[in-house]
Amino acid sequence: MMGKTNTKYSMLLAFGFMCSSVTACAEDESPQADPDQAALHIDEQVRQARQQLATRLAIDADEITEETVRVVQWRSGAAGCPDPDMSYTMAIQPGVMILLRAGDELHRYHSGRNGVPFYCPADRAEAPAMGAGEEVM
């Protein structure tokens, strides 16, 4: 699944890094995002999520496969996984949704655009703001 073409990465990652009219682009002062750099961030996020899951389940990371990796727009700073005891920025946030398979079970990991992915239990998971997002892998 990691062998997709760079053309697909470039097209999909450009979408994920466009700033919507609702979201301020304070953290990225440059007018254009570098798709190759973005692909590196997503690859690293997937690697981190796999390693976290392997550690959590006490299994080898090679036993984990990527089911889906999508560039998405989260509804808030909760990145699609709100904690009921927390408050979040209510603005569209670019990010990544990673679904990993270990055995017969799917495990969700969410992150911001360049953030470290985190496990999101199914009972807290929310859909992205703009459909299901663009599949990367």
C-alpha atoms as a PDB file:
ATOM      1  CA  MET A   1       0.000   0.000   0.000  1.00  0.00           C
ATOM      2  CA  MET A   2       2.969   2.317   0.463  1.00  0.00           C
ATOM      3  CA  GLY A   3       3.834   2.097  -3.273  1.00  0.00           C
ATOM      4  CA  LYS A   4       1.297   4.607  -4.667  1.00  0.00           C
ATOM      5  CA  THR A   5       2.522   7.032  -7.308  1.00  0.00           C
ATOM      6  CA  ASN A   6       3.902  10.457  -6.499  1.00  0.00           C
ATOM      7  CA  THR A   7       1.284  11.954  -8.823  1.00  0.00           C
ATOM      8  CA  LYS A   8      -1.499  10.748  -6.541  1.00  0.00           C
ATOM      9  CA  TYR A   9       0.380  12.074  -3.494  1.00  0.00           C
ATOM     10  CA  SER A  10       0.915  15.446  -5.114  1.00  0.00           C
ATOM     11  CA  MET A  11      -2.700  15.859  -6.152  1.00  0.00           C
ATOM     12  CA  LEU A  12      -4.204  14.702  -2.875  1.00  0.00           C
ATOM     13  CA  LEU A  13      -1.756  16.419  -0.592  1.00  0.00           C
ATOM     14  CA  ALA A  14      -2.227  19.717  -2.377  1.00  0.00           C
ATOM     15  CA  PHE A  15      -5.912  19.453  -1.428  1.00  0.00           C
ATOM     16  CA  GLY A  16      -5.051  18.753   2.201  1.00  0.00           C
ATOM     17  CA  PHE A  17      -2.798  21.776   2.447  1.00  0.00           C
ATOM     18  CA  MET A  18      -5.085  24.325   0.847  1.00  0.00           C
ATOM     19  CA  CYS A  19      -6.447  26.747   3.389  1.00  0.00           C
ATOM     20  CA  SER A  20     -10.209  27.056   3.323  1.00  0.00           C
ATOM     21  CA  SER A  21     -11.798  30.483   3.538  1.00  0.00           C
ATOM     22  CA  VAL A  22     -12.841  29.644   7.098  1.00  0.00           C
ATOM     23  CA  THR A  23      -9.358  28.721   8.352  1.00  0.00           C
ATOM     24  CA  ALA A  24      -6.519  31.137   8.949  1.00  0.00           C
ATOM     25  CA  CYS A  25      -3.139  29.969   7.728  1.00  0.00           C
ATOM     26  CA  ALA A  26      -1.073  31.291  10.607  1.00  0.00           C
ATOM     27  CA  GLU A  27       1.256  28.315  10.946  1.00  0.00           C
ATOM     28  CA  ASP A  28       2.175  28.210   7.227  1.00  0.00           C
ATOM     29  CA  GLU A  29       3.317  31.644   6.104  1.00  0.00           C
ATOM     30  CA  SER A  30       4.351  30.391   2.654  1.00  0.00           C
ATOM     31  CA  PRO A  31       1.774  30.753  -0.138  1.00  0.00           C
ATOM     32  CA  GLN A  32       2.359  27.229  -1.487  1.00  0.00           C
ATOM     33  CA  ALA A  33       2.876  23.907   0.276  1.00  0.00           C
ATOM     34  CA  ASP A  34       5.530  21.503  -1.009  1.00  0.00           C
ATOM     35  CA  PRO A  35       3.723  18.220  -1.904  1.00  0.00           C
ATOM     36  CA  ASP A  36       6.919  16.164  -1.578  1.00  0.00           C
ATOM     37  CA  GLN A  37       7.488  17.536   1.936  1.00  0.00           C
ATOM     38  CA  ALA A  38       3.847  16.855   2.778  1.00  0.00           C
ATOM     39  CA  ALA A  39       4.201  13.231   1.633  1.00  0.00           C
ATOM     40  CA  LEU A  40       7.141  12.853   4.019  1.00  0.00           C
ATOM     41  CA  HIS A  41       4.995  14.121   6.886  1.00  0.00           C
ATOM     42  CA  ILE A  42       2.211  11.654   6.099  1.00  0.00           C
ATOM     43  CA  ASP A  43       4.634   8.749   5.748  1.00  0.00           C
ATOM     44  CA  GLU A  44       6.114   9.692   9.123  1.00  0.00           C
ATOM     45  CA  GLN A  45       2.653   9.985  10.697  1.00  0.00           C
ATOM     46  CA  VAL A  46       1.740   6.506   9.437  1.00  0.00           C
ATOM     47  CA  ARG A  47       5.035   5.121  10.784  1.00  0.00           C
ATOM     48  CA  GLN A  48       4.393   6.741  14.177  1.00  0.00           C
ATOM     49  CA  ALA A  49       0.811   5.423  14.322  1.00  0.00           C
ATOM     50  CA  ARG A  50       1.979   1.886  13.457  1.00  0.00           C
ATOM     51  CA  GLN A  51       4.647   2.043  16.157  1.00  0.00           C
ATOM     52  CA  GLN A  52       2.173   3.366  18.755  1.00  0.00           C
ATOM     53  CA  LEU A  53      -0.296   0.596  17.919  1.00  0.00           C
ATOM     54  CA  ALA A  54       2.420  -2.073  18.009  1.00  0.00           C
ATOM     55  CA  THR A  55       3.485  -0.863  21.445  1.00  0.00           C
ATOM     56  CA  ARG A  56      -0.114  -0.641  22.699  1.00  0.00           C
ATOM     57  CA  LEU A  57      -0.936  -4.187  21.517  1.00  0.00           C
ATOM     58  CA  ALA A  58       2.526  -5.612  22.304  1.00  0.00           C
ATOM     59  CA  ILE A  59       2.963  -6.920  18.753  1.00  0.00           C
ATOM     60  CA  ASP A  60       5.493  -6.389  15.977  1.00  0.00           C
ATOM     61  CA  ALA A  61       4.799  -3.375  13.745  1.00  0.00           C
ATOM     62  CA  ASP A  62       5.091  -5.701  10.721  1.00  0.00           C
ATOM     63  CA  GLU A  63       1.825  -7.333  11.837  1.00  0.00           C
ATOM     64  CA  ILE A  64      -0.011  -4.040  11.225  1.00  0.00           C
ATOM     65  CA  THR A  65      -1.275  -2.923   7.822  1.00  0.00           C
ATOM     66  CA  GLU A  66      -2.606   0.413   6.620  1.00  0.00           C
ATOM     67  CA  GLU A  67      -6.273   0.073   5.781  1.00  0.00           C
ATOM     68  CA  THR A  68      -6.856   3.730   4.855  1.00  0.00           C
ATOM     69  CA  VAL A  69      -4.893   6.962   5.076  1.00  0.00           C
ATOM     70  CA  ARG A  70      -6.823  10.144   4.263  1.00  0.00           C
ATOM     71  CA  VAL A  71      -6.061  13.843   4.196  1.00  0.00           C
ATOM     72  CA  VAL A  72      -9.099  15.386   5.880  1.00  0.00           C
ATOM     73  CA  GLN A  73     -10.548  18.603   7.268  1.00  0.00           C
ATOM     74  CA  TRP A  74     -11.464  18.184  10.947  1.00  0.00           C
ATOM     75  CA  ARG A  75     -14.417  20.130  12.366  1.00  0.00           C
ATOM     76  CA  SER A  76     -12.425  21.486  15.320  1.00  0.00           C
ATOM     77  CA  GLY A  77      -9.145  21.396  17.191  1.00  0.00           C
ATOM     78  CA  ALA A  78     -10.237  18.026  18.589  1.00  0.00           C
ATOM     79  CA  ALA A  79      -9.052  16.448  15.316  1.00  0.00           C
ATOM     80  CA  GLY A  80     -12.145  14.268  15.102  1.00  0.00           C
ATOM     81  CA  CYS A  81     -11.706  12.780  18.566  1.00  0.00           C
ATOM     82  CA  PRO A  82     -13.130  15.106  21.215  1.00  0.00           C
ATOM     83  CA  ASP A  83     -12.544  14.400  24.886  1.00  0.00           C
ATOM     84  CA  PRO A  84     -15.737  15.331  26.793  1.00  0.00           C
ATOM     85  CA  ASP A  85     -13.648  17.052  29.490  1.00  0.00           C
ATOM     86  CA  MET A  86     -11.884  19.397  27.039  1.00  0.00           C
ATOM     87  CA  SER A  87     -12.704  22.553  25.063  1.00  0.00           C
ATOM     88  CA  TYR A  88     -11.536  22.968  21.476  1.00  0.00           C
ATOM     89  CA  THR A  89     -11.096  25.639  18.826  1.00  0.00           C
ATOM     90  CA  MET A  90     -14.207  25.573  16.645  1.00  0.00           C
ATOM     91  CA  ALA A  91     -12.620  26.051  13.228  1.00  0.00           C
ATOM     92  CA  ILE A  92     -11.836  23.763  10.333  1.00  0.00           C
ATOM     93  CA  GLN A  93      -8.431  22.133  10.881  1.00  0.00           C
ATOM     94  CA  PRO A  94      -6.446  20.228   8.212  1.00  0.00           C
ATOM     95  CA  GLY A  95      -5.305  16.786   9.264  1.00  0.00           C
ATOM     96  CA  VAL A  96      -4.892  13.095   8.594  1.00  0.00           C
ATOM     97  CA  MET A  97      -7.045  10.074   9.476  1.00  0.00           C
ATOM     98  CA  ILE A  98      -5.234   6.727   9.596  1.00  0.00           C
ATOM     99  CA  LEU A  99      -7.017   3.369   9.881  1.00  0.00           C
ATOM    100  CA  LEU A 100      -4.708   0.512  10.802  1.00  0.00           C
ATOM    101  CA  ARG A 101      -5.535  -3.195  10.845  1.00  0.00           C
ATOM    102  CA  ALA A 102      -4.088  -5.565  13.434  1.00  0.00           C
ATOM    103  CA  GLY A 103      -5.588  -9.017  13.054  1.00  0.00           C
ATOM    104  CA  ASP A 104      -9.339  -8.634  12.596  1.00  0.00           C
ATOM    105  CA  GLU A 105      -9.574  -5.238  14.289  1.00  0.00           C
ATOM    106  CA  LEU A 106      -9.366  -1.701  12.924  1.00  0.00           C
ATOM    107  CA  HIS A 107      -7.702   1.030  14.971  1.00  0.00           C
ATOM    108  CA  ARG A 108      -8.155   4.754  14.255  1.00  0.00           C
ATOM    109  CA  TYR A 109      -5.389   7.315  14.536  1.00  0.00           C
ATOM    110  CA  HIS A 110      -6.014  11.016  13.967  1.00  0.00           C
ATOM    111  CA  SER A 111      -3.680  13.978  13.687  1.00  0.00           C
ATOM    112  CA  GLY A 112      -3.399  17.563  12.634  1.00  0.00           C
ATOM    113  CA  ARG A 113      -1.600  18.437   9.418  1.00  0.00           C
ATOM    114  CA  ASN A 114       1.921  17.925  10.791  1.00  0.00           C
ATOM    115  CA  GLY A 115       1.100  16.609  14.246  1.00  0.00           C
ATOM    116  CA  VAL A 116       1.847  13.348  15.968  1.00  0.00           C
ATOM    117  CA  PRO A 117      -1.017  10.896  15.394  1.00  0.00           C
ATOM    118  CA  PHE A 118      -2.973   9.673  18.394  1.00  0.00           C
ATOM    119  CA  TYR A 119      -5.286   6.715  18.994  1.00  0.00           C
ATOM    120  CA  CYS A 120      -8.975   7.608  18.770  1.00  0.00           C
ATOM    121  CA  PRO A 121     -11.411   5.082  20.296  1.00  0.00           C
ATOM    122  CA  ALA A 122     -14.412   4.320  18.069  1.00  0.00           C
ATOM    123  CA  ASP A 123     -16.868   5.715  20.647  1.00  0.00           C
ATOM    124  CA  ARG A 124     -15.227   9.185  20.389  1.00  0.00           C
ATOM    125  CA  ALA A 125     -14.449   9.251  16.668  1.00  0.00           C
ATOM    126  CA  GLU A 126     -16.175  11.906  14.559  1.00  0.00           C
ATOM    127  CA  ALA A 127     -16.387  12.140  10.780  1.00  0.00           C
ATOM    128  CA  PRO A 128     -14.275  14.788   9.058  1.00  0.00           C
ATOM    129  CA  ALA A 129     -15.978  18.067   8.165  1.00  0.00           C
ATOM    130  CA  MET A 130     -15.777  17.737   4.401  1.00  0.00           C
ATOM    131  CA  GLY A 131     -16.870  14.210   3.518  1.00  0.00           C
ATOM    132  CA  ALA A 132     -14.521  11.304   4.020  1.00  0.00           C
ATOM    133  CA  GLY A 133     -11.433  13.161   2.788  1.00  0.00           C
ATOM    134  CA  GLU A 134      -9.028  12.209   0.048  1.00  0.00           C
ATOM    135  CA  GLU A 135      -7.419   8.793   0.265  1.00  0.00           C
ATOM    136  CA  VAL A 136      -3.643   8.865   0.146  1.00  0.00           C
ATOM    137  CA  MET A 137      -2.819   5.176   0.531  1.00  0.00           C
END
